Amino acid sequence: MPGKALAVLEPALGLITQLIAEADADTQERALLAQLDSTIETGDLWIADRNFCVASWIWKLHQRDAAVLVREHQQLPTQPCEAMRLVATTEHCQLSEQRVTLAAPDGGECLELRRIRLELSTPTREGETTLYLLTTLPVTAADAALVATLYRERWTLETAFLHLTTELRCEIETLAYPPAALFALAMAVVAYNAWAVVKAALRRVHGADTVDTQVSGDYLVNEMGRVGESLEALVTPEEWAIFHTFTPTAMPAWLLASAQQVQLRKSRKHSRGPKKHAPARTHDPSRPHVSVARLLAQRQTGSER
């Protein structure tokens, strides 16, 4: 494992706005949270999986007037204030809710959170039928059904990494050294953000349903690559300079005007047969995952001796 990265996605924009790269792949992702302190803004809503259900992080967001929505981790020491009560029934699940408290790190006043239970009609791919969410969002801002819908937005990050892996090829097997592998990942993220901006312009001009359901991401990425090579050959650096002068208003206008010239039929998806299910992952004790950074550090220490 040549490294690890912590990414922050803005669902409304479709952009990866933060990428924390870590050479040591054995580092816990939650250990990288401190590097996001400067990005927290008042009014933010941070949505995360249970790996980030950490008391210190929840308190930090609360103290910065930001809200949190996270899947509950069993190790988080919360105390119930009331019994769980049924609040809604939807086509896919039953929703129940209760108030719980989380002790302050300094032993001061406790923080009250909402604990929402989702009893699913269809199990998750891990076979789970019951999920618990914790949030500091007030009921006046989001009821239990909306909280569940917002949490599903977290999966847009998984979709982004699927595009990064399959279409933008962010994992190059021959790049085993951490700096090289992480640099390739960072460049793929830059390309992904450019791709997301192009898709946003196409949605505005041609309609979101058309672009999201009929346009192939593979075709768009391949065309970006081909056009990029052509532009490097045909356009001089001086001719690119005009884009340095574009204002935040002029750039979107140029993007929308360019999107009107795009013929989507050239990038339409083709129907395909049913997907083949990938074989289940199995753990081989004789071939454990290891951090390349730690192996290199051990090698360096050995050579110094």
C-alpha atoms as a PDB file:
ATOM      1  CA  MET A   1       0.000   0.000   0.000  1.00  0.00           C
ATOM      2  CA  PRO A   2       1.854   3.099  -1.229  1.00  0.00           C
ATOM      3  CA  GLY A   3      -0.166   5.644   0.708  1.00  0.00           C
ATOM      4  CA  LYS A   4      -3.498   6.906   2.001  1.00  0.00           C
ATOM      5  CA  ALA A   5      -5.627   9.978   1.317  1.00  0.00           C
ATOM      6  CA  LEU A   6      -8.468  11.762   3.071  1.00  0.00           C
ATOM      7  CA  ALA A   7     -10.846  13.494   0.656  1.00  0.00           C
ATOM      8  CA  VAL A   8     -13.646  16.015   1.192  1.00  0.00           C
ATOM      9  CA  LEU A   9     -16.363  16.267  -1.452  1.00  0.00           C
ATOM     10  CA  GLU A  10     -18.851  19.127  -1.852  1.00  0.00           C
ATOM     11  CA  PRO A  11     -21.959  17.215  -3.047  1.00  0.00           C
ATOM     12  CA  ALA A  12     -23.738  20.313  -4.353  1.00  0.00           C
ATOM     13  CA  LEU A  13     -20.725  21.199  -6.520  1.00  0.00           C
ATOM     14  CA  GLY A  14     -19.542  17.688  -7.317  1.00  0.00           C
ATOM     15  CA  LEU A  15     -15.968  18.799  -6.537  1.00  0.00           C
ATOM     16  CA  ILE A  16     -13.295  17.318  -4.290  1.00  0.00           C
ATOM     17  CA  THR A  17     -12.317  20.436  -2.382  1.00  0.00           C
ATOM     18  CA  GLN A  18      -9.766  18.953   0.031  1.00  0.00           C
ATOM     19  CA  LEU A  19      -7.243  16.135  -0.358  1.00  0.00           C
ATOM     20  CA  ILE A  20      -4.956  15.204   2.528  1.00  0.00           C
ATOM     21  CA  ALA A  21      -2.198  12.893   1.269  1.00  0.00           C
ATOM     22  CA  GLU A  22      -0.380  10.626   3.734  1.00  0.00           C
ATOM     23  CA  ALA A  23       2.629   8.508   2.776  1.00  0.00           C
ATOM     24  CA  ASP A  24       2.156   5.993   5.607  1.00  0.00           C
ATOM     25  CA  ALA A  25      -0.737   3.789   4.507  1.00  0.00           C
ATOM     26  CA  ASP A  26      -1.131   2.371   8.015  1.00  0.00           C
ATOM     27  CA  THR A  27      -2.141   5.790   9.363  1.00  0.00           C
ATOM     28  CA  GLN A  28      -5.715   5.951  10.652  1.00  0.00           C
ATOM     29  CA  GLU A  29      -7.838   8.282   8.516  1.00  0.00           C
ATOM     30  CA  ARG A  30      -9.221   9.944  11.639  1.00  0.00           C
ATOM     31  CA  ALA A  31      -5.647  10.942  12.552  1.00  0.00           C
ATOM     32  CA  LEU A  32      -5.709  13.246   9.503  1.00  0.00           C
ATOM     33  CA  LEU A  33      -8.811  15.151  10.623  1.00  0.00           C
ATOM     34  CA  ALA A  34      -6.774  17.817  12.399  1.00  0.00           C
ATOM     35  CA  GLN A  35      -5.470  18.977   9.011  1.00  0.00           C
ATOM     36  CA  LEU A  36      -9.039  19.982   8.079  1.00  0.00           C
ATOM     37  CA  ASP A  37      -9.418  22.433  11.003  1.00  0.00           C
ATOM     38  CA  SER A  38      -8.815  25.516   8.856  1.00  0.00           C
ATOM     39  CA  THR A  39     -11.500  24.460   6.356  1.00  0.00           C
ATOM     40  CA  ILE A  40     -14.384  24.369   8.865  1.00  0.00           C
ATOM     41  CA  GLU A  41     -16.827  27.230   8.316  1.00  0.00           C
ATOM     42  CA  THR A  42     -19.871  28.399  10.227  1.00  0.00           C
ATOM     43  CA  GLY A  43     -23.014  26.754   8.878  1.00  0.00           C
ATOM     44  CA  ASP A  44     -21.202  23.765   7.378  1.00  0.00           C
ATOM     45  CA  LEU A  45     -22.740  20.300   7.489  1.00  0.00           C
ATOM     46  CA  TRP A  46     -20.054  17.595   7.614  1.00  0.00           C
ATOM     47  CA  ILE A  47     -21.314  14.146   6.573  1.00  0.00           C
ATOM     48  CA  ALA A  48     -19.099  11.161   7.262  1.00  0.00           C
ATOM     49  CA  ASP A  49     -19.011   7.400   7.722  1.00  0.00           C
ATOM     50  CA  ARG A  50     -18.627   5.780  11.140  1.00  0.00           C
ATOM     51  CA  ASN A  51     -14.844   5.710  10.806  1.00  0.00           C
ATOM     52  CA  PHE A  52     -15.019   9.459  11.583  1.00  0.00           C
ATOM     53  CA  CYS A  53     -17.454   9.120  14.490  1.00  0.00           C
ATOM     54  CA  VAL A  54     -14.967  10.653  16.923  1.00  0.00           C
ATOM     55  CA  ALA A  55     -15.984  12.660  19.994  1.00  0.00           C
ATOM     56  CA  SER A  56     -13.221  15.255  19.568  1.00  0.00           C
ATOM     57  CA  TRP A  57     -14.209  15.905  15.926  1.00  0.00           C
ATOM     58  CA  ILE A  58     -17.927  16.207  16.764  1.00  0.00           C
ATOM     59  CA  TRP A  59     -17.145  18.688  19.536  1.00  0.00           C
ATOM     60  CA  LYS A  60     -14.791  20.687  17.331  1.00  0.00           C
ATOM     61  CA  LEU A  61     -17.493  21.109  14.672  1.00  0.00           C
ATOM     62  CA  HIS A  62     -20.020  22.134  17.314  1.00  0.00           C
ATOM     63  CA  GLN A  63     -17.636  24.714  18.756  1.00  0.00           C
ATOM     64  CA  ARG A  64     -17.105  26.170  15.270  1.00  0.00           C
ATOM     65  CA  ASP A  65     -20.905  26.457  14.709  1.00  0.00           C
ATOM     66  CA  ALA A  66     -20.864  23.665  12.125  1.00  0.00           C
ATOM     67  CA  ALA A  67     -23.197  20.654  12.108  1.00  0.00           C
ATOM     68  CA  VAL A  68     -22.286  16.995  11.831  1.00  0.00           C
ATOM     69  CA  LEU A  69     -24.066  13.956  10.429  1.00  0.00           C
ATOM     70  CA  VAL A  70     -22.194  10.735  10.975  1.00  0.00           C
ATOM     71  CA  ARG A  71     -22.954   7.060  11.145  1.00  0.00           C
ATOM     72  CA  GLU A  72     -22.678   5.936  14.768  1.00  0.00           C
ATOM     73  CA  HIS A  73     -19.651   3.993  15.947  1.00  0.00           C
ATOM     74  CA  GLN A  74     -20.336   1.681  18.867  1.00  0.00           C
ATOM     75  CA  GLN A  75     -17.310   3.006  20.755  1.00  0.00           C
ATOM     76  CA  LEU A  76     -18.673   6.569  20.968  1.00  0.00           C
ATOM     77  CA  PRO A  77     -19.706   7.106  24.632  1.00  0.00           C
ATOM     78  CA  THR A  78     -23.217   8.575  24.312  1.00  0.00           C
ATOM     79  CA  GLN A  79     -25.954   8.436  26.936  1.00  0.00           C
ATOM     80  CA  PRO A  80     -29.671   8.178  25.971  1.00  0.00           C
ATOM     81  CA  CYS A  81     -32.050  10.853  27.260  1.00  0.00           C
ATOM     82  CA  GLU A  82     -35.211   9.024  26.213  1.00  0.00           C
ATOM     83  CA  ALA A  83     -36.477   5.820  24.637  1.00  0.00           C
ATOM     84  CA  MET A  84     -36.375   5.373  20.865  1.00  0.00           C
ATOM     85  CA  ARG A  85     -39.649   6.493  19.260  1.00  0.00           C
ATOM     86  CA  LEU A  86     -41.013   5.794  15.775  1.00  0.00           C
ATOM     87  CA  VAL A  87     -41.195   9.007  13.725  1.00  0.00           C
ATOM     88  CA  ALA A  88     -41.729   7.941  10.106  1.00  0.00           C
ATOM     89  CA  THR A  89     -42.218   5.008   7.751  1.00  0.00           C
ATOM     90  CA  THR A  90     -41.057   5.167   4.146  1.00  0.00           C
ATOM     91  CA  GLU A  91     -40.981   2.753   1.238  1.00  0.00           C
ATOM     92  CA  HIS A  92     -37.449   1.671   2.134  1.00  0.00           C
ATOM     93  CA  CYS A  93     -37.229   1.870   5.921  1.00  0.00           C
ATOM     94  CA  GLN A  94     -38.722   2.706   9.298  1.00  0.00           C
ATOM     95  CA  LEU A  95     -37.253   5.725  11.069  1.00  0.00           C
ATOM     96  CA  SER A  96     -37.030   6.066  14.829  1.00  0.00           C
ATOM     97  CA  GLU A  97     -35.346   8.802  16.861  1.00  0.00           C
ATOM     98  CA  GLN A  98     -34.130   9.630  20.355  1.00  0.00           C
ATOM     99  CA  ARG A  99     -32.048  12.296  22.090  1.00  0.00           C
ATOM    100  CA  VAL A 100     -28.614  11.359  23.424  1.00  0.00           C
ATOM    101  CA  THR A 101     -25.795  13.297  25.077  1.00  0.00           C
ATOM    102  CA  LEU A 102     -22.052  13.298  24.512  1.00  0.00           C
ATOM    103  CA  ALA A 103     -19.736  14.318  27.338  1.00  0.00           C
ATOM    104  CA  ALA A 104     -17.417  17.295  26.795  1.00  0.00           C
ATOM    105  CA  PRO A 105     -13.676  16.542  26.563  1.00  0.00           C
ATOM    106  CA  ASP A 106     -13.015  18.924  29.470  1.00  0.00           C
ATOM    107  CA  GLY A 107     -15.773  17.456  31.616  1.00  0.00           C
ATOM    108  CA  GLY A 108     -18.054  20.466  31.101  1.00  0.00           C
ATOM    109  CA  GLU A 109     -21.620  20.612  29.836  1.00  0.00           C
ATOM    110  CA  CYS A 110     -22.729  17.714  27.610  1.00  0.00           C
ATOM    111  CA  LEU A 111     -23.640  18.092  23.944  1.00  0.00           C
ATOM    112  CA  GLU A 112     -27.086  16.880  22.897  1.00  0.00           C
ATOM    113  CA  LEU A 113     -27.365  14.962  19.625  1.00  0.00           C
ATOM    114  CA  ARG A 114     -30.163  13.275  17.732  1.00  0.00           C
ATOM    115  CA  ARG A 115     -29.789   9.513  17.279  1.00  0.00           C
ATOM    116  CA  ILE A 116     -31.767   8.179  14.331  1.00  0.00           C
ATOM    117  CA  ARG A 117     -32.350   4.491  13.660  1.00  0.00           C
ATOM    118  CA  LEU A 118     -32.989   3.238  10.135  1.00  0.00           C
ATOM    119  CA  GLU A 119     -34.582  -0.219   9.902  1.00  0.00           C
ATOM    120  CA  LEU A 120     -34.039  -1.125   6.254  1.00  0.00           C
ATOM    121  CA  SER A 121     -36.395  -3.241   4.167  1.00  0.00           C
ATOM    122  CA  THR A 122     -33.416  -4.313   2.024  1.00  0.00           C
ATOM    123  CA  PRO A 123     -30.067  -5.164   3.657  1.00  0.00           C
ATOM    124  CA  THR A 124     -26.924  -3.239   2.761  1.00  0.00           C
ATOM    125  CA  ARG A 125     -24.204  -4.997   0.776  1.00  0.00           C
ATOM    126  CA  GLU A 126     -22.621  -5.882   4.128  1.00  0.00           C
ATOM    127  CA  GLY A 127     -25.887  -7.577   5.133  1.00  0.00           C
ATOM    128  CA  GLU A 128     -26.890  -4.940   7.702  1.00  0.00           C
ATOM    129  CA  THR A 129     -30.560  -4.126   8.203  1.00  0.00           C
ATOM    130  CA  THR A 130     -30.263  -1.514  10.966  1.00  0.00           C
ATOM    131  CA  LEU A 131     -28.222   1.693  10.806  1.00  0.00           C
ATOM    132  CA  TYR A 132     -27.778   4.404  13.438  1.00  0.00           C
ATOM    133  CA  LEU A 133     -27.002   8.024  12.586  1.00  0.00           C
ATOM    134  CA  LEU A 134     -25.940  10.858  14.887  1.00  0.00           C
ATOM    135  CA  THR A 135     -26.483  14.513  14.042  1.00  0.00           C
ATOM    136  CA  THR A 136     -26.441  17.955  15.609  1.00  0.00           C
ATOM    137  CA  LEU A 137     -28.891  19.264  13.016  1.00  0.00           C
ATOM    138  CA  PRO A 138     -31.989  20.650  14.751  1.00  0.00           C
ATOM    139  CA  VAL A 139     -35.369  19.109  13.899  1.00  0.00           C
ATOM    140  CA  THR A 140     -36.457  22.473  12.494  1.00  0.00           C
ATOM    141  CA  ALA A 141     -33.679  22.204   9.892  1.00  0.00           C
ATOM    142  CA  ALA A 142     -34.120  18.519   8.974  1.00  0.00           C
ATOM    143  CA  ASP A 143     -36.521  15.843  10.130  1.00  0.00           C
ATOM    144  CA  ALA A 144     -35.441  12.195  10.369  1.00  0.00           C
ATOM    145  CA  ALA A 145     -36.387  11.417   6.752  1.00  0.00           C
ATOM    146  CA  LEU A 146     -34.331  14.341   5.445  1.00  0.00           C
ATOM    147  CA  VAL A 147     -31.382  13.350   7.656  1.00  0.00           C
ATOM    148  CA  ALA A 148     -31.468   9.855   6.125  1.00  0.00           C
ATOM    149  CA  THR A 149     -31.600  11.371   2.637  1.00  0.00           C
ATOM    150  CA  LEU A 150     -28.660  13.660   3.415  1.00  0.00           C
ATOM    151  CA  TYR A 151     -26.600  10.734   4.677  1.00  0.00           C
ATOM    152  CA  ARG A 152     -27.143   8.936   1.384  1.00  0.00           C
ATOM    153  CA  GLU A 153     -25.371  11.919  -0.223  1.00  0.00           C
ATOM    154  CA  ARG A 154     -22.172  10.567   1.344  1.00  0.00           C
ATOM    155  CA  TRP A 155     -22.155   7.859  -1.311  1.00  0.00           C
ATOM    156  CA  THR A 156     -21.455  10.485  -3.953  1.00  0.00           C
ATOM    157  CA  LEU A 157     -17.888  10.383  -2.621  1.00  0.00           C
ATOM    158  CA  GLU A 158     -17.757   6.641  -3.319  1.00  0.00           C
ATOM    159  CA  THR A 159     -18.999   7.365  -6.848  1.00  0.00           C
ATOM    160  CA  ALA A 160     -16.302  10.008  -7.287  1.00  0.00           C
ATOM    161  CA  PHE A 161     -13.595   7.510  -6.346  1.00  0.00           C
ATOM    162  CA  LEU A 162     -15.116   4.985  -8.730  1.00  0.00           C
ATOM    163  CA  HIS A 163     -14.611   7.525 -11.543  1.00  0.00           C
ATOM    164  CA  LEU A 164     -11.104   8.256 -10.275  1.00  0.00           C
ATOM    165  CA  THR A 165     -10.216   4.567 -10.322  1.00  0.00           C
ATOM    166  CA  THR A 166     -11.899   3.307 -13.491  1.00  0.00           C
ATOM    167  CA  GLU A 167     -11.869   6.293 -15.838  1.00  0.00           C
ATOM    168  CA  LEU A 168      -9.061   8.534 -14.594  1.00  0.00           C
ATOM    169  CA  ARG A 169      -6.835   5.605 -13.531  1.00  0.00           C
ATOM    170  CA  CYS A 170      -5.627   7.162 -10.288  1.00  0.00           C
ATOM    171  CA  GLU A 171      -4.014   3.906  -9.119  1.00  0.00           C
ATOM    172  CA  ILE A 172      -1.038   3.065 -11.312  1.00  0.00           C
ATOM    173  CA  GLU A 173       0.344  -0.302 -10.213  1.00  0.00           C
ATOM    174  CA  THR A 174       3.925   0.482 -11.215  1.00  0.00           C
ATOM    175  CA  LEU A 175       4.023   3.527  -8.904  1.00  0.00           C
ATOM    176  CA  ALA A 176       4.903   1.828  -5.623  1.00  0.00           C
ATOM    177  CA  TYR A 177       6.814   4.673  -3.966  1.00  0.00           C
ATOM    178  CA  PRO A 178       4.481   6.864  -1.869  1.00  0.00           C
ATOM    179  CA  PRO A 179       5.414  10.285  -3.355  1.00  0.00           C
ATOM    180  CA  ALA A 180       4.873   9.034  -6.915  1.00  0.00           C
ATOM    181  CA  ALA A 181       1.613   7.212  -6.129  1.00  0.00           C
ATOM    182  CA  LEU A 182       0.160  10.139  -4.177  1.00  0.00           C
ATOM    183  CA  PHE A 183       1.195  12.614  -6.883  1.00  0.00           C
ATOM    184  CA  ALA A 184      -0.643  10.481  -9.465  1.00  0.00           C
ATOM    185  CA  LEU A 185      -3.718  10.436  -7.227  1.00  0.00           C
ATOM    186  CA  ALA A 186      -3.584  14.214  -6.767  1.00  0.00           C
ATOM    187  CA  MET A 187      -3.324  14.779 -10.532  1.00  0.00           C
ATOM    188  CA  ALA A 188      -6.289  12.449 -11.057  1.00  0.00           C
ATOM    189  CA  VAL A 189      -8.293  14.512  -8.549  1.00  0.00           C
ATOM    190  CA  VAL A 190      -7.441  17.703 -10.471  1.00  0.00           C
ATOM    191  CA  ALA A 191      -8.611  16.002 -13.672  1.00  0.00           C
ATOM    192  CA  TYR A 192     -11.765  14.788 -11.891  1.00  0.00           C
ATOM    193  CA  ASN A 193     -12.622  18.339 -10.815  1.00  0.00           C
ATOM    194  CA  ALA A 194     -12.144  19.588 -14.378  1.00  0.00           C
ATOM    195  CA  TRP A 195     -14.369  16.737 -15.582  1.00  0.00           C
ATOM    196  CA  ALA A 196     -16.994  17.685 -12.946  1.00  0.00           C
ATOM    197  CA  VAL A 197     -17.005  21.320 -14.147  1.00  0.00           C
ATOM    198  CA  VAL A 198     -17.482  20.170 -17.740  1.00  0.00           C
ATOM    199  CA  LYS A 199     -20.407  17.948 -16.703  1.00  0.00           C
ATOM    200  CA  ALA A 200     -21.952  20.819 -14.715  1.00  0.00           C
ATOM    201  CA  ALA A 201     -21.880  23.055 -17.805  1.00  0.00           C
ATOM    202  CA  LEU A 202     -23.393  20.276 -19.916  1.00  0.00           C
ATOM    203  CA  ARG A 203     -26.161  19.717 -17.339  1.00  0.00           C
ATOM    204  CA  ARG A 204     -27.058  23.402 -17.377  1.00  0.00           C
ATOM    205  CA  VAL A 205     -27.338  23.501 -21.163  1.00  0.00           C
ATOM    206  CA  HIS A 206     -28.646  20.025 -22.056  1.00  0.00           C
ATOM    207  CA  GLY A 207     -30.489  19.059 -18.875  1.00  0.00           C
ATOM    208  CA  ALA A 208     -29.339  17.121 -15.812  1.00  0.00           C
ATOM    209  CA  ASP A 209     -31.364  13.993 -16.606  1.00  0.00           C
ATOM    210  CA  THR A 210     -29.943  13.764 -20.126  1.00  0.00           C
ATOM    211  CA  VAL A 211     -26.328  14.206 -19.058  1.00  0.00           C
ATOM    212  CA  ASP A 212     -26.498  11.969 -15.968  1.00  0.00           C
ATOM    213  CA  THR A 213     -28.335   9.076 -17.619  1.00  0.00           C
ATOM    214  CA  GLN A 214     -27.170   9.169 -21.239  1.00  0.00           C
ATOM    215  CA  VAL A 215     -23.634  10.572 -21.336  1.00  0.00           C
ATOM    216  CA  SER A 216     -20.717   8.180 -20.854  1.00  0.00           C
ATOM    217  CA  GLY A 217     -18.053   9.280 -18.413  1.00  0.00           C
ATOM    218  CA  ASP A 218     -15.504   7.143 -20.277  1.00  0.00           C
ATOM    219  CA  TYR A 219     -16.174   8.949 -23.536  1.00  0.00           C
ATOM    220  CA  LEU A 220     -15.888  12.365 -21.901  1.00  0.00           C
ATOM    221  CA  VAL A 221     -12.589  11.481 -20.220  1.00  0.00           C
ATOM    222  CA  ASN A 222     -11.144  10.030 -23.437  1.00  0.00           C
ATOM    223  CA  GLU A 223     -12.173  13.098 -25.413  1.00  0.00           C
ATOM    224  CA  MET A 224     -10.658  15.394 -22.794  1.00  0.00           C
ATOM    225  CA  GLY A 225      -7.393  13.486 -23.175  1.00  0.00           C
ATOM    226  CA  ARG A 226      -7.407  13.610 -26.976  1.00  0.00           C
ATOM    227  CA  VAL A 227      -8.408  17.277 -27.131  1.00  0.00           C
ATOM    228  CA  GLY A 228      -5.812  18.138 -24.492  1.00  0.00           C
ATOM    229  CA  GLU A 229      -2.984  16.742 -26.620  1.00  0.00           C
ATOM    230  CA  SER A 230      -4.279  18.606 -29.674  1.00  0.00           C
ATOM    231  CA  LEU A 231      -4.546  21.906 -27.808  1.00  0.00           C
ATOM    232  CA  GLU A 232      -0.978  21.566 -26.536  1.00  0.00           C
ATOM    233  CA  ALA A 233       0.182  21.210 -30.133  1.00  0.00           C
ATOM    234  CA  LEU A 234      -2.018  23.901 -31.718  1.00  0.00           C
ATOM    235  CA  VAL A 235      -2.387  26.620 -29.070  1.00  0.00           C
ATOM    236  CA  THR A 236       0.568  28.652 -27.838  1.00  0.00           C
ATOM    237  CA  PRO A 237       1.039  29.622 -24.174  1.00  0.00           C
ATOM    238  CA  GLU A 238       0.383  33.250 -25.109  1.00  0.00           C
ATOM    239  CA  GLU A 239      -3.032  32.326 -26.505  1.00  0.00           C
ATOM    240  CA  TRP A 240      -3.970  30.670 -23.216  1.00  0.00           C
ATOM    241  CA  ALA A 241      -3.259  33.932 -21.374  1.00  0.00           C
ATOM    242  CA  ILE A 242      -6.775  35.261 -22.000  1.00  0.00           C
ATOM    243  CA  PHE A 243      -8.152  32.774 -19.483  1.00  0.00           C
ATOM    244  CA  HIS A 244      -6.055  34.429 -16.786  1.00  0.00           C
ATOM    245  CA  THR A 245      -8.202  37.539 -17.207  1.00  0.00           C
ATOM    246  CA  PHE A 246     -11.588  35.796 -16.923  1.00  0.00           C
ATOM    247  CA  THR A 247     -13.664  36.878 -13.935  1.00  0.00           C
ATOM    248  CA  PRO A 248     -15.848  34.455 -11.915  1.00  0.00           C
ATOM    249  CA  THR A 249     -18.730  35.709 -14.051  1.00  0.00           C
ATOM    250  CA  ALA A 250     -17.002  35.500 -17.435  1.00  0.00           C
ATOM    251  CA  MET A 251     -15.700  31.951 -16.994  1.00  0.00           C
ATOM    252  CA  PRO A 252     -19.133  30.314 -16.467  1.00  0.00           C
ATOM    253  CA  ALA A 253     -20.492  32.279 -19.415  1.00  0.00           C
ATOM    254  CA  TRP A 254     -17.680  30.930 -21.609  1.00  0.00           C
ATOM    255  CA  LEU A 255     -18.280  27.391 -20.344  1.00  0.00           C
ATOM    256  CA  LEU A 256     -22.014  27.553 -21.088  1.00  0.00           C
ATOM    257  CA  ALA A 257     -21.407  28.987 -24.546  1.00  0.00           C
ATOM    258  CA  SER A 258     -18.945  26.156 -25.248  1.00  0.00           C
ATOM    259  CA  ALA A 259     -21.369  23.535 -23.887  1.00  0.00           C
ATOM    260  CA  GLN A 260     -23.979  24.629 -26.430  1.00  0.00           C
ATOM    261  CA  GLN A 261     -21.630  23.485 -29.201  1.00  0.00           C
ATOM    262  CA  VAL A 262     -21.226  19.964 -27.772  1.00  0.00           C
ATOM    263  CA  GLN A 263     -22.945  17.138 -29.654  1.00  0.00           C
ATOM    264  CA  LEU A 264     -23.940  14.709 -26.918  1.00  0.00           C
ATOM    265  CA  ARG A 265     -24.751  11.919 -29.365  1.00  0.00           C
ATOM    266  CA  LYS A 266     -21.026  11.332 -29.757  1.00  0.00           C
ATOM    267  CA  SER A 267     -20.711  10.580 -26.055  1.00  0.00           C
ATOM    268  CA  ARG A 268     -23.855   8.562 -25.423  1.00  0.00           C
ATOM    269  CA  LYS A 269     -23.734   5.425 -23.324  1.00  0.00           C
ATOM    270  CA  HIS A 270     -24.257   2.085 -25.042  1.00  0.00           C
ATOM    271  CA  SER A 271     -26.494  -0.592 -23.602  1.00  0.00           C
ATOM    272  CA  ARG A 272     -24.679  -3.541 -22.125  1.00  0.00           C
ATOM    273  CA  GLY A 273     -25.466  -6.894 -20.628  1.00  0.00           C
ATOM    274  CA  PRO A 274     -25.746  -7.553 -16.916  1.00  0.00           C
ATOM    275  CA  LYS A 275     -22.631  -6.783 -14.904  1.00  0.00           C
ATOM    276  CA  LYS A 276     -20.521  -9.657 -13.690  1.00  0.00           C
ATOM    277  CA  HIS A 277     -20.337  -9.698  -9.938  1.00  0.00           C
ATOM    278  CA  ALA A 278     -16.827  -9.292  -8.628  1.00  0.00           C
ATOM    279  CA  PRO A 279     -15.631 -12.201  -6.497  1.00  0.00           C
ATOM    280  CA  ALA A 280     -15.765 -11.642  -2.770  1.00  0.00           C
ATOM    281  CA  ARG A 281     -12.553 -10.364  -1.248  1.00  0.00           C
ATOM    282  CA  THR A 282     -10.655 -12.917   0.797  1.00  0.00           C
ATOM    283  CA  HIS A 283      -7.885 -12.306   3.304  1.00  0.00           C
ATOM    284  CA  ASP A 284      -4.699 -14.271   2.805  1.00  0.00           C
ATOM    285  CA  PRO A 285      -2.648 -14.207   6.065  1.00  0.00           C
ATOM    286  CA  SER A 286       0.476 -15.106   4.099  1.00  0.00           C
ATOM    287  CA  ARG A 287       0.137 -11.918   2.026  1.00  0.00           C
ATOM    288  CA  PRO A 288      -0.734  -9.106   4.469  1.00  0.00           C
ATOM    289  CA  HIS A 289      -1.162  -5.499   3.366  1.00  0.00           C
ATOM    290  CA  VAL A 290       1.866  -3.467   4.391  1.00  0.00           C
ATOM    291  CA  SER A 291       2.752   0.207   4.293  1.00  0.00           C
ATOM    292  CA  VAL A 292       5.479   0.901   1.724  1.00  0.00           C
ATOM    293  CA  ALA A 293       6.521   4.004   3.673  1.00  0.00           C
ATOM    294  CA  ARG A 294       7.220   1.898   6.770  1.00  0.00           C
ATOM    295  CA  LEU A 295       9.163  -0.681   4.754  1.00  0.00           C
ATOM    296  CA  LEU A 296      11.314   2.080   3.263  1.00  0.00           C
ATOM    297  CA  ALA A 297      11.868   3.598   6.698  1.00  0.00           C
ATOM    298  CA  GLN A 298      12.955   0.214   8.067  1.00  0.00           C
ATOM    299  CA  ARG A 299      15.307  -0.238   5.137  1.00  0.00           C
ATOM    300  CA  GLN A 300      16.780   3.231   5.713  1.00  0.00           C
ATOM    301  CA  THR A 301      17.268   2.520   9.416  1.00  0.00           C
ATOM    302  CA  GLY A 302      18.971  -0.785   8.598  1.00  0.00           C
ATOM    303  CA  SER A 303      21.388   0.864   6.147  1.00  0.00           C
ATOM    304  CA  GLU A 304      22.292   3.559   8.692  1.00  0.00           C
ATOM    305  CA  ARG A 305      23.235   0.895  11.200  1.00  0.00           C
END
